[in-house]
Amino acid sequence: MFALEKLQKAQQATRSFICLGLDLDPKRMPQEYAGSVRGAFDFARRIIEATVDQVCAYKPNLAFFENMGPEGYSLLLQLVQRIPERIPIILDGKRNDIGNTASQYAAALYDRYKADWVTINPYMGYDSMRPFMERKDKGSFVLCLTSNAGSKDFQLLNVEGRPLYQVVAERIRYWNKDNNCGLVVGATHPDQLKEIRELAGDMPLLIPGVGAQGGSLEESVMAGTDNFRKMAVINVSRSVLYASTGADFDKRAREEVVKLNAAVTRLRYGDRPAEAKPQEVQVQLPPQPQVPNSQPNGNNGARANQDQDPTPPAQPPA
């Protein structure tokens, strides 16, 4: 199954736009789980079991696992195995490098750690993203306009009369030949989110920044989905994971996700009773390419005679 199709099926099955970020911070966990990798596993396992029917994806943040050393990588593998196959996994590492190194990143994240989607950084250009994009059955969310305050330092810079994030959105849309790309857009930029939704076409948006970072759920959902006509994933992490530091942390986490889903349902359907709600709107998936082999090819995942950036026209195709 292709990554985009899997994401859509998960959203339909759970009736949720919520992705739960697994940012395993020992300083925020209940004390009895904070002192060991085993404790972190038990904490995350209980969170997953409590929320698995309420979310459309899980997003492990690689930094928290890498900081645990070799045991952290083992922990990540164990948690990935705990997540049902039907639920997409978005590995958040914002990776990128020159082509041959990026190929190794892609193989590690997609094959070893079983990611359906990854987050990648576009700063090094097309050839550095190509090893990820070539995995036609996998997905890449590309940083476009991030939720942190420092995003203005580069992402809002004027580039020939328009901000850099618009250039990124247009180019990723142009390069999205296999319908396996999306954009990361922070909920803390609601006005720009509307612009990017239009520039992105049918690409899905991954929207962090709701909750602890102060982004609005309502604005993010309405702008990110273009009033429920396009695909978007709303990521929440700390506000759910650490809703309680008591023994009921898993129940409280579930309650928080249920509240978020209920808020989105009200936005979509109002206060009508369930029997009055219209059928689910089907987001039209673009035709997916044939994939003869989903593994990287023998030349480090690079296509022959494509060493140059296929620069798009000034505007993306209609």
C-alpha atoms as a PDB file:
ATOM      1  CA  MET A   1       0.000   0.000   0.000  1.00  0.00           C
ATOM      2  CA  PHE A   2       1.250   3.466  -0.861  1.00  0.00           C
ATOM      3  CA  ALA A   3       1.933   5.904   1.963  1.00  0.00           C
ATOM      4  CA  LEU A   4      -0.721   8.404   0.896  1.00  0.00           C
ATOM      5  CA  GLU A   5      -3.385   5.727   0.599  1.00  0.00           C
ATOM      6  CA  LYS A   6      -2.438   4.259   3.984  1.00  0.00           C
ATOM      7  CA  LEU A   7      -2.734   7.680   5.606  1.00  0.00           C
ATOM      8  CA  GLN A   8      -6.139   8.294   4.089  1.00  0.00           C
ATOM      9  CA  LYS A   9      -7.421   4.870   5.138  1.00  0.00           C
ATOM     10  CA  ALA A  10      -6.210   5.478   8.687  1.00  0.00           C
ATOM     11  CA  GLN A  11      -7.999   8.822   8.844  1.00  0.00           C
ATOM     12  CA  GLN A  12     -11.201   7.252   7.598  1.00  0.00           C
ATOM     13  CA  ALA A  13     -10.984   4.261   9.961  1.00  0.00           C
ATOM     14  CA  THR A  14     -10.319   6.327  13.085  1.00  0.00           C
ATOM     15  CA  ARG A  15     -12.261   9.418  11.973  1.00  0.00           C
ATOM     16  CA  SER A  16      -9.293  11.404  13.168  1.00  0.00           C
ATOM     17  CA  PHE A  17      -6.903  13.986  11.790  1.00  0.00           C
ATOM     18  CA  ILE A  18      -4.730  13.723  14.894  1.00  0.00           C
ATOM     19  CA  CYS A  19      -1.165  12.426  14.803  1.00  0.00           C
ATOM     20  CA  LEU A  20       0.371  11.759  18.195  1.00  0.00           C
ATOM     21  CA  GLY A  21       4.028  12.711  18.491  1.00  0.00           C
ATOM     22  CA  LEU A  22       6.100  10.372  20.629  1.00  0.00           C
ATOM     23  CA  ASP A  23       8.521  12.839  22.218  1.00  0.00           C
ATOM     24  CA  LEU A  24       9.736  10.697  25.097  1.00  0.00           C
ATOM     25  CA  ASP A  25      11.168  13.174  27.559  1.00  0.00           C
ATOM     26  CA  PRO A  26      12.158  11.514  30.876  1.00  0.00           C
ATOM     27  CA  LYS A  27      11.848  14.873  32.632  1.00  0.00           C
ATOM     28  CA  ARG A  28       8.136  14.973  31.832  1.00  0.00           C
ATOM     29  CA  MET A  29       7.209  11.332  32.475  1.00  0.00           C
ATOM     30  CA  PRO A  30       5.804  10.031  35.741  1.00  0.00           C
ATOM     31  CA  GLN A  31       8.743   9.368  38.031  1.00  0.00           C
ATOM     32  CA  GLU A  32       8.472   5.593  38.003  1.00  0.00           C
ATOM     33  CA  TYR A  33       8.942   5.542  34.211  1.00  0.00           C
ATOM     34  CA  ALA A  34      11.668   8.148  33.920  1.00  0.00           C
ATOM     35  CA  GLY A  35      14.771   6.333  35.081  1.00  0.00           C
ATOM     36  CA  SER A  36      15.340   3.707  32.403  1.00  0.00           C
ATOM     37  CA  VAL A  37      14.785   2.730  28.800  1.00  0.00           C
ATOM     38  CA  ARG A  38      12.477  -0.003  30.026  1.00  0.00           C
ATOM     39  CA  GLY A  39      10.449   2.623  31.831  1.00  0.00           C
ATOM     40  CA  ALA A  40      10.249   4.738  28.676  1.00  0.00           C
ATOM     41  CA  PHE A  41       9.050   1.687  26.751  1.00  0.00           C
ATOM     42  CA  ASP A  42       6.305   0.957  29.279  1.00  0.00           C
ATOM     43  CA  PHE A  43       5.226   4.610  29.274  1.00  0.00           C
ATOM     44  CA  ALA A  44       5.027   4.762  25.472  1.00  0.00           C
ATOM     45  CA  ARG A  45       3.367   1.343  25.231  1.00  0.00           C
ATOM     46  CA  ARG A  46       0.583   2.443  27.557  1.00  0.00           C
ATOM     47  CA  ILE A  47       0.130   5.678  25.575  1.00  0.00           C
ATOM     48  CA  ILE A  48      -0.120   3.760  22.300  1.00  0.00           C
ATOM     49  CA  GLU A  49      -2.560   1.198  23.682  1.00  0.00           C
ATOM     50  CA  ALA A  50      -4.758   3.982  25.080  1.00  0.00           C
ATOM     51  CA  THR A  51      -4.888   6.037  21.867  1.00  0.00           C
ATOM     52  CA  VAL A  52      -4.495   3.627  18.952  1.00  0.00           C
ATOM     53  CA  ASP A  53      -8.163   3.833  17.950  1.00  0.00           C
ATOM     54  CA  GLN A  54      -8.197   7.628  18.195  1.00  0.00           C
ATOM     55  CA  VAL A  55      -5.262   8.762  16.025  1.00  0.00           C
ATOM     56  CA  CYS A  56      -4.408   8.544  12.344  1.00  0.00           C
ATOM     57  CA  ALA A  57      -0.616   8.299  12.822  1.00  0.00           C
ATOM     58  CA  TYR A  58       2.203   8.227  15.345  1.00  0.00           C
ATOM     59  CA  LYS A  59       5.275  10.442  14.978  1.00  0.00           C
ATOM     60  CA  PRO A  60       8.309   9.313  16.983  1.00  0.00           C
ATOM     61  CA  ASN A  61      10.771  12.188  17.324  1.00  0.00           C
ATOM     62  CA  LEU A  62      14.170  10.631  16.675  1.00  0.00           C
ATOM     63  CA  ALA A  63      16.101  13.059  18.886  1.00  0.00           C
ATOM     64  CA  PHE A  64      14.577  11.619  22.051  1.00  0.00           C
ATOM     65  CA  PHE A  65      15.547   8.087  21.063  1.00  0.00           C
ATOM     66  CA  GLU A  66      19.029   8.993  19.842  1.00  0.00           C
ATOM     67  CA  ASN A  67      19.759  10.709  23.145  1.00  0.00           C
ATOM     68  CA  MET A  68      19.337   7.350  24.875  1.00  0.00           C
ATOM     69  CA  GLY A  69      22.216   5.852  22.905  1.00  0.00           C
ATOM     70  CA  PRO A  70      22.103   2.338  21.395  1.00  0.00           C
ATOM     71  CA  GLU A  71      19.270   1.341  23.730  1.00  0.00           C
ATOM     72  CA  GLY A  72      17.215   4.186  22.302  1.00  0.00           C
ATOM     73  CA  TYR A  73      17.368   2.702  18.817  1.00  0.00           C
ATOM     74  CA  SER A  74      16.286  -0.648  20.234  1.00  0.00           C
ATOM     75  CA  LEU A  75      13.448   1.123  22.026  1.00  0.00           C
ATOM     76  CA  LEU A  76      12.327   2.735  18.776  1.00  0.00           C
ATOM     77  CA  LEU A  77      12.230  -0.633  17.004  1.00  0.00           C
ATOM     78  CA  GLN A  78      10.206  -2.167  19.821  1.00  0.00           C
ATOM     79  CA  LEU A  79       7.677   0.663  19.783  1.00  0.00           C
ATOM     80  CA  VAL A  80       7.344   0.526  16.008  1.00  0.00           C
ATOM     81  CA  GLN A  81       6.452  -3.146  16.359  1.00  0.00           C
ATOM     82  CA  ARG A  82       3.759  -2.201  18.874  1.00  0.00           C
ATOM     83  CA  ILE A  83       1.990   0.116  16.437  1.00  0.00           C
ATOM     84  CA  PRO A  84      -0.556  -1.744  14.286  1.00  0.00           C
ATOM     85  CA  GLU A  85       0.326  -2.020  10.616  1.00  0.00           C
ATOM     86  CA  ARG A  86      -2.791  -0.065   9.650  1.00  0.00           C
ATOM     87  CA  ILE A  87      -1.546   3.067  11.463  1.00  0.00           C
ATOM     88  CA  PRO A  88       1.126   5.085   9.599  1.00  0.00           C
ATOM     89  CA  ILE A  89       4.413   5.870  11.304  1.00  0.00           C
ATOM     90  CA  ILE A  90       6.013   9.257  10.623  1.00  0.00           C
ATOM     91  CA  LEU A  91       9.648   9.293  11.732  1.00  0.00           C
ATOM     92  CA  ASP A  92      10.577  12.864  12.546  1.00  0.00           C
ATOM     93  CA  GLY A  93      14.297  13.471  12.104  1.00  0.00           C
ATOM     94  CA  LYS A  94      14.335  16.252   9.478  1.00  0.00           C
ATOM     95  CA  ARG A  95      17.127  14.399   7.707  1.00  0.00           C
ATOM     96  CA  ASN A  96      19.076  15.368   4.620  1.00  0.00           C
ATOM     97  CA  ASP A  97      22.569  15.324   3.125  1.00  0.00           C
ATOM     98  CA  ILE A  98      24.343  14.802  -0.176  1.00  0.00           C
ATOM     99  CA  GLY A  99      22.885  12.055  -2.339  1.00  0.00           C
ATOM    100  CA  ASN A 100      24.851   9.000  -1.233  1.00  0.00           C
ATOM    101  CA  THR A 101      24.447   9.882   2.445  1.00  0.00           C
ATOM    102  CA  ALA A 102      20.761  10.713   2.010  1.00  0.00           C
ATOM    103  CA  SER A 103      20.332   7.251   0.469  1.00  0.00           C
ATOM    104  CA  GLN A 104      21.594   5.727   3.696  1.00  0.00           C
ATOM    105  CA  TYR A 105      19.230   7.883   5.740  1.00  0.00           C
ATOM    106  CA  ALA A 106      16.321   6.783   3.537  1.00  0.00           C
ATOM    107  CA  ALA A 107      17.229   3.096   3.832  1.00  0.00           C
ATOM    108  CA  ALA A 108      17.617   3.340   7.605  1.00  0.00           C
ATOM    109  CA  LEU A 109      14.345   5.149   8.217  1.00  0.00           C
ATOM    110  CA  TYR A 110      12.162   3.348   5.699  1.00  0.00           C
ATOM    111  CA  ASP A 111      13.603  -0.155   5.906  1.00  0.00           C
ATOM    112  CA  ARG A 112      15.266  -0.633   9.266  1.00  0.00           C
ATOM    113  CA  TYR A 113      12.854   1.503  11.310  1.00  0.00           C
ATOM    114  CA  LYS A 114       9.778   0.832   9.146  1.00  0.00           C
ATOM    115  CA  ALA A 115       8.678   4.422   8.578  1.00  0.00           C
ATOM    116  CA  ASP A 116       5.786   5.095   6.235  1.00  0.00           C
ATOM    117  CA  TRP A 117       6.665   8.797   6.165  1.00  0.00           C
ATOM    118  CA  VAL A 118       9.711  10.800   7.206  1.00  0.00           C
ATOM    119  CA  THR A 119      10.381  14.499   7.656  1.00  0.00           C
ATOM    120  CA  ILE A 120      13.187  15.943   5.534  1.00  0.00           C
ATOM    121  CA  ASN A 121      14.916  19.286   5.144  1.00  0.00           C
ATOM    122  CA  PRO A 122      14.943  20.894   1.663  1.00  0.00           C
ATOM    123  CA  TYR A 123      17.865  23.263   2.309  1.00  0.00           C
ATOM    124  CA  MET A 124      20.387  21.224   0.283  1.00  0.00           C
ATOM    125  CA  GLY A 125      18.143  21.019  -2.763  1.00  0.00           C
ATOM    126  CA  TYR A 126      16.639  18.440  -5.083  1.00  0.00           C
ATOM    127  CA  ASP A 127      19.479  15.928  -5.303  1.00  0.00           C
ATOM    128  CA  SER A 128      19.544  15.580  -1.508  1.00  0.00           C
ATOM    129  CA  MET A 129      15.796  14.836  -1.397  1.00  0.00           C
ATOM    130  CA  ARG A 130      15.729  12.536  -4.401  1.00  0.00           C
ATOM    131  CA  PRO A 131      16.668   9.332  -2.503  1.00  0.00           C
ATOM    132  CA  PHE A 132      13.608   9.843  -0.311  1.00  0.00           C
ATOM    133  CA  MET A 133      11.269  10.832  -3.144  1.00  0.00           C
ATOM    134  CA  GLU A 134      12.319   7.814  -5.208  1.00  0.00           C
ATOM    135  CA  ARG A 135      10.786   5.492  -2.673  1.00  0.00           C
ATOM    136  CA  LYS A 136       7.453   5.512  -4.437  1.00  0.00           C
ATOM    137  CA  ASP A 137       5.621   3.524  -1.788  1.00  0.00           C
ATOM    138  CA  LYS A 138       6.905   5.763   1.013  1.00  0.00           C
ATOM    139  CA  GLY A 139       6.242   9.402   1.861  1.00  0.00           C
ATOM    140  CA  SER A 140       8.291  12.499   2.654  1.00  0.00           C
ATOM    141  CA  PHE A 141       7.035  15.528   4.546  1.00  0.00           C
ATOM    142  CA  VAL A 142       9.297  18.424   3.555  1.00  0.00           C
ATOM    143  CA  LEU A 143       9.874  21.356   5.894  1.00  0.00           C
ATOM    144  CA  CYS A 144       8.159  24.424   4.463  1.00  0.00           C
ATOM    145  CA  LEU A 145       7.242  26.860   7.259  1.00  0.00           C
ATOM    146  CA  THR A 146       7.997  25.558  10.719  1.00  0.00           C
ATOM    147  CA  SER A 147       6.259  26.367  13.993  1.00  0.00           C
ATOM    148  CA  ASN A 148       9.276  27.705  15.930  1.00  0.00           C
ATOM    149  CA  ALA A 149       9.927  31.424  16.436  1.00  0.00           C
ATOM    150  CA  GLY A 150      13.221  31.235  14.523  1.00  0.00           C
ATOM    151  CA  SER A 151      11.439  30.199  11.326  1.00  0.00           C
ATOM    152  CA  LYS A 152      11.438  33.878  10.346  1.00  0.00           C
ATOM    153  CA  ASP A 153      15.245  33.943  10.166  1.00  0.00           C
ATOM    154  CA  PHE A 154      15.297  32.114   6.836  1.00  0.00           C
ATOM    155  CA  GLN A 155      11.851  30.887   5.823  1.00  0.00           C
ATOM    156  CA  LEU A 156      10.337  34.376   5.542  1.00  0.00           C
ATOM    157  CA  LEU A 157      13.241  35.859   3.568  1.00  0.00           C
ATOM    158  CA  ASN A 158      12.285  37.646   0.375  1.00  0.00           C
ATOM    159  CA  VAL A 159      13.260  35.679  -2.728  1.00  0.00           C
ATOM    160  CA  GLU A 160      12.575  37.625  -5.916  1.00  0.00           C
ATOM    161  CA  GLY A 161       9.515  39.280  -4.444  1.00  0.00           C
ATOM    162  CA  ARG A 162       8.044  36.464  -2.365  1.00  0.00           C
ATOM    163  CA  PRO A 163       8.906  34.607   0.829  1.00  0.00           C
ATOM    164  CA  LEU A 164      11.132  31.559   0.661  1.00  0.00           C
ATOM    165  CA  TYR A 165       8.467  29.213   2.058  1.00  0.00           C
ATOM    166  CA  GLN A 166       6.321  29.870  -1.017  1.00  0.00           C
ATOM    167  CA  VAL A 167       9.199  28.889  -3.282  1.00  0.00           C
ATOM    168  CA  VAL A 168       9.658  25.684  -1.301  1.00  0.00           C
ATOM    169  CA  ALA A 169       5.956  24.832  -1.541  1.00  0.00           C
ATOM    170  CA  GLU A 170       5.866  25.385  -5.298  1.00  0.00           C
ATOM    171  CA  ARG A 171       9.009  23.401  -5.997  1.00  0.00           C
ATOM    172  CA  ILE A 172       7.999  20.425  -3.885  1.00  0.00           C
ATOM    173  CA  ARG A 173       4.647  20.365  -5.650  1.00  0.00           C
ATOM    174  CA  TYR A 174       6.426  20.388  -9.002  1.00  0.00           C
ATOM    175  CA  TRP A 175       8.796  17.598  -7.954  1.00  0.00           C
ATOM    176  CA  ASN A 176       5.978  15.494  -6.509  1.00  0.00           C
ATOM    177  CA  LYS A 177       5.727  13.294  -9.595  1.00  0.00           C
ATOM    178  CA  ASP A 178       4.940  10.147  -7.634  1.00  0.00           C
ATOM    179  CA  ASN A 179       2.393  11.677  -5.243  1.00  0.00           C
ATOM    180  CA  ASN A 180       4.438  10.813  -2.184  1.00  0.00           C
ATOM    181  CA  CYS A 181       5.387  14.258  -0.857  1.00  0.00           C
ATOM    182  CA  GLY A 182       3.821  16.538   1.697  1.00  0.00           C
ATOM    183  CA  LEU A 183       4.732  19.757   3.472  1.00  0.00           C
ATOM    184  CA  VAL A 184       5.371  20.599   7.124  1.00  0.00           C
ATOM    185  CA  VAL A 185       3.602  23.834   8.055  1.00  0.00           C
ATOM    186  CA  GLY A 186       3.392  25.147  11.605  1.00  0.00           C
ATOM    187  CA  ALA A 187       0.055  25.860  13.231  1.00  0.00           C
ATOM    188  CA  THR A 188       1.590  29.044  14.614  1.00  0.00           C
ATOM    189  CA  HIS A 189       1.330  30.612  11.121  1.00  0.00           C
ATOM    190  CA  PRO A 190      -2.424  30.475  10.368  1.00  0.00           C
ATOM    191  CA  ASP A 191      -2.418  33.120   7.628  1.00  0.00           C
ATOM    192  CA  GLN A 192       0.514  31.576   5.801  1.00  0.00           C
ATOM    193  CA  LEU A 193      -1.040  28.146   6.243  1.00  0.00           C
ATOM    194  CA  LYS A 194      -3.921  29.225   4.018  1.00  0.00           C
ATOM    195  CA  GLU A 195      -1.471  30.375   1.333  1.00  0.00           C
ATOM    196  CA  ILE A 196       0.521  27.169   1.484  1.00  0.00           C
ATOM    197  CA  ARG A 197      -2.615  25.028   1.315  1.00  0.00           C
ATOM    198  CA  GLU A 198      -3.422  26.649  -2.010  1.00  0.00           C
ATOM    199  CA  LEU A 199       0.140  26.334  -3.309  1.00  0.00           C
ATOM    200  CA  ALA A 200       0.388  22.697  -2.207  1.00  0.00           C
ATOM    201  CA  GLY A 201      -2.404  21.410  -4.402  1.00  0.00           C
ATOM    202  CA  ASP A 202      -3.395  17.927  -3.243  1.00  0.00           C
ATOM    203  CA  MET A 203      -0.276  17.283  -1.185  1.00  0.00           C
ATOM    204  CA  PRO A 204      -0.974  16.462   2.469  1.00  0.00           C
ATOM    205  CA  LEU A 205       0.148  18.896   5.144  1.00  0.00           C
ATOM    206  CA  LEU A 206       1.717  17.871   8.439  1.00  0.00           C
ATOM    207  CA  ILE A 207       0.823  20.600  10.923  1.00  0.00           C
ATOM    208  CA  PRO A 208       2.719  20.706  14.240  1.00  0.00           C
ATOM    209  CA  GLY A 209       2.420  23.437  16.841  1.00  0.00           C
ATOM    210  CA  VAL A 210      -1.085  22.831  18.200  1.00  0.00           C
ATOM    211  CA  GLY A 211      -1.212  22.642  21.974  1.00  0.00           C
ATOM    212  CA  ALA A 212       2.001  23.393  23.851  1.00  0.00           C
ATOM    213  CA  GLN A 213       3.277  25.756  21.140  1.00  0.00           C
ATOM    214  CA  GLY A 214       0.062  27.754  21.074  1.00  0.00           C
ATOM    215  CA  GLY A 215      -1.288  27.020  17.606  1.00  0.00           C
ATOM    216  CA  SER A 216      -5.069  26.966  17.116  1.00  0.00           C
ATOM    217  CA  LEU A 217      -6.647  23.589  16.401  1.00  0.00           C
ATOM    218  CA  GLU A 218      -9.633  25.177  14.703  1.00  0.00           C
ATOM    219  CA  GLU A 219      -7.623  27.428  12.391  1.00  0.00           C
ATOM    220  CA  SER A 220      -5.202  24.630  11.578  1.00  0.00           C
ATOM    221  CA  VAL A 221      -7.916  22.168  10.647  1.00  0.00           C
ATOM    222  CA  MET A 222      -9.968  24.559   8.548  1.00  0.00           C
ATOM    223  CA  ALA A 223      -7.025  26.085   6.691  1.00  0.00           C
ATOM    224  CA  GLY A 224      -5.001  22.886   6.458  1.00  0.00           C
ATOM    225  CA  THR A 225      -7.840  20.825   4.973  1.00  0.00           C
ATOM    226  CA  ASP A 226      -9.336  23.684   2.931  1.00  0.00           C
ATOM    227  CA  ASN A 227     -12.630  23.159   4.749  1.00  0.00           C
ATOM    228  CA  PHE A 228     -12.246  19.347   4.714  1.00  0.00           C
ATOM    229  CA  ARG A 229     -11.526  19.103   1.011  1.00  0.00           C
ATOM    230  CA  LYS A 230      -7.800  18.294   1.279  1.00  0.00           C
ATOM    231  CA  MET A 231      -5.664  16.062   3.450  1.00  0.00           C
ATOM    232  CA  ALA A 232      -3.935  17.344   6.562  1.00  0.00           C
ATOM    233  CA  VAL A 233      -2.475  15.758   9.685  1.00  0.00           C
ATOM    234  CA  ILE A 234      -2.562  17.701  12.957  1.00  0.00           C
ATOM    235  CA  ASN A 235       0.312  16.737  15.228  1.00  0.00           C
ATOM    236  CA  VAL A 236       0.084  17.024  18.995  1.00  0.00           C
ATOM    237  CA  SER A 237       2.705  15.786  21.428  1.00  0.00           C
ATOM    238  CA  ARG A 238       3.410  17.255  24.859  1.00  0.00           C
ATOM    239  CA  SER A 239      -0.114  18.442  25.602  1.00  0.00           C
ATOM    240  CA  VAL A 240      -1.319  14.837  25.265  1.00  0.00           C
ATOM    241  CA  LEU A 241       1.649  12.752  26.424  1.00  0.00           C
ATOM    242  CA  TYR A 242       2.072  14.704  29.633  1.00  0.00           C
ATOM    243  CA  ALA A 243      -1.515  15.633  30.400  1.00  0.00           C
ATOM    244  CA  SER A 244      -0.963  13.887  33.709  1.00  0.00           C
ATOM    245  CA  THR A 245       2.076  12.802  35.705  1.00  0.00           C
ATOM    246  CA  GLY A 246      -0.020  10.432  37.796  1.00  0.00           C
ATOM    247  CA  ALA A 247      -0.828   6.758  37.417  1.00  0.00           C
ATOM    248  CA  ASP A 248      -3.717   7.708  35.100  1.00  0.00           C
ATOM    249  CA  PHE A 249      -1.456   9.318  32.470  1.00  0.00           C
ATOM    250  CA  ASP A 250      -2.606   6.955  29.719  1.00  0.00           C
ATOM    251  CA  LYS A 251      -6.299   7.579  30.440  1.00  0.00           C
ATOM    252  CA  ARG A 252      -5.701  11.331  30.501  1.00  0.00           C
ATOM    253  CA  ALA A 253      -3.824  11.141  27.212  1.00  0.00           C
ATOM    254  CA  ARG A 254      -6.746   9.343  25.642  1.00  0.00           C
ATOM    255  CA  GLU A 255      -9.175  11.905  27.036  1.00  0.00           C
ATOM    256  CA  GLU A 256      -7.155  14.718  25.466  1.00  0.00           C
ATOM    257  CA  VAL A 257      -7.169  13.061  22.040  1.00  0.00           C
ATOM    258  CA  VAL A 258     -10.895  12.329  22.317  1.00  0.00           C
ATOM    259  CA  LYS A 259     -11.464  16.028  23.049  1.00  0.00           C
ATOM    260  CA  LEU A 260      -9.426  17.041  20.009  1.00  0.00           C
ATOM    261  CA  ASN A 261     -11.343  14.651  17.770  1.00  0.00           C
ATOM    262  CA  ALA A 262     -14.641  15.920  19.143  1.00  0.00           C
ATOM    263  CA  ALA A 263     -13.610  19.514  18.438  1.00  0.00           C
ATOM    264  CA  VAL A 264     -12.758  18.618  14.838  1.00  0.00           C
ATOM    265  CA  THR A 265     -16.064  16.768  14.438  1.00  0.00           C
ATOM    266  CA  ARG A 266     -17.947  19.855  15.627  1.00  0.00           C
ATOM    267  CA  LEU A 267     -16.092  21.954  13.091  1.00  0.00           C
ATOM    268  CA  ARG A 268     -17.029  19.553  10.341  1.00  0.00           C
ATOM    269  CA  TYR A 269     -20.605  18.705  11.196  1.00  0.00           C
ATOM    270  CA  GLY A 270     -21.726  21.211  13.790  1.00  0.00           C
ATOM    271  CA  ASP A 271     -23.988  19.918  16.554  1.00  0.00           C
ATOM    272  CA  ARG A 272     -26.116  17.689  14.339  1.00  0.00           C
ATOM    273  CA  PRO A 273     -26.856  14.215  15.713  1.00  0.00           C
ATOM    274  CA  ALA A 274     -24.813  11.368  14.281  1.00  0.00           C
ATOM    275  CA  GLU A 275     -27.622  10.100  12.023  1.00  0.00           C
ATOM    276  CA  ALA A 276     -27.865  13.536  10.383  1.00  0.00           C
ATOM    277  CA  LYS A 277     -24.211  13.729   9.476  1.00  0.00           C
ATOM    278  CA  PRO A 278     -23.385  13.436   5.783  1.00  0.00           C
ATOM    279  CA  GLN A 279     -21.219  10.636   4.479  1.00  0.00           C
ATOM    280  CA  GLU A 280     -17.488  10.986   4.849  1.00  0.00           C
ATOM    281  CA  VAL A 281     -15.990  13.233   2.208  1.00  0.00           C
ATOM    282  CA  GLN A 282     -13.575  11.191   0.109  1.00  0.00           C
ATOM    283  CA  VAL A 283     -10.315  12.984  -0.588  1.00  0.00           C
ATOM    284  CA  GLN A 284      -9.482  12.091  -4.170  1.00  0.00           C
ATOM    285  CA  LEU A 285      -6.128  10.358  -4.288  1.00  0.00           C
ATOM    286  CA  PRO A 286      -4.006  11.006  -7.369  1.00  0.00           C
ATOM    287  CA  PRO A 287      -3.133   7.948  -9.498  1.00  0.00           C
ATOM    288  CA  GLN A 288      -0.256   6.085  -7.902  1.00  0.00           C
ATOM    289  CA  PRO A 289       2.742   4.869  -9.898  1.00  0.00           C
ATOM    290  CA  GLN A 290       3.719   1.248 -10.337  1.00  0.00           C
ATOM    291  CA  VAL A 291       6.529   0.155  -8.052  1.00  0.00           C
ATOM    292  CA  PRO A 292       8.510  -2.769  -9.463  1.00  0.00           C
ATOM    293  CA  ASN A 293      10.889  -2.691  -6.490  1.00  0.00           C
ATOM    294  CA  SER A 294      10.475  -0.548  -3.399  1.00  0.00           C
ATOM    295  CA  GLN A 295      14.072  -0.996  -2.298  1.00  0.00           C
ATOM    296  CA  PRO A 296      16.760   1.535  -3.253  1.00  0.00           C
ATOM    297  CA  ASN A 297      18.437   0.646  -6.521  1.00  0.00           C
ATOM    298  CA  GLY A 298      22.066  -0.238  -6.986  1.00  0.00           C
ATOM    299  CA  ASN A 299      23.313   3.310  -7.579  1.00  0.00           C
ATOM    300  CA  ASN A 300      22.467   4.684  -4.155  1.00  0.00           C
ATOM    301  CA  GLY A 301      18.838   5.356  -5.040  1.00  0.00           C
ATOM    302  CA  ALA A 302      19.712   7.810  -7.832  1.00  0.00           C
ATOM    303  CA  ARG A 303      18.118   7.730 -11.273  1.00  0.00           C
ATOM    304  CA  ALA A 304      20.437   7.680 -14.227  1.00  0.00           C
ATOM    305  CA  ASN A 305      21.179  11.010 -15.873  1.00  0.00           C
ATOM    306  CA  GLN A 306      19.294  13.037 -13.246  1.00  0.00           C
ATOM    307  CA  ASP A 307      22.126  14.717 -11.430  1.00  0.00           C
ATOM    308  CA  GLN A 308      20.768  18.207 -12.002  1.00  0.00           C
ATOM    309  CA  ASP A 309      17.944  19.954 -10.213  1.00  0.00           C
ATOM    310  CA  PRO A 310      14.880  19.806 -12.526  1.00  0.00           C
ATOM    311  CA  THR A 311      14.039  23.456 -11.854  1.00  0.00           C
ATOM    312  CA  PRO A 312      10.303  24.063 -12.126  1.00  0.00           C
ATOM    313  CA  PRO A 313       8.667  26.942 -13.954  1.00  0.00           C
ATOM    314  CA  ALA A 314       7.938  30.121 -12.039  1.00  0.00           C
ATOM    315  CA  GLN A 315       4.504  28.831 -11.073  1.00  0.00           C
ATOM    316  CA  PRO A 316       3.435  25.230 -10.420  1.00  0.00           C
ATOM    317  CA  PRO A 317       1.280  23.483 -12.996  1.00  0.00           C
ATOM    318  CA  ALA A 318      -2.463  23.942 -12.614  1.00  0.00           C
END
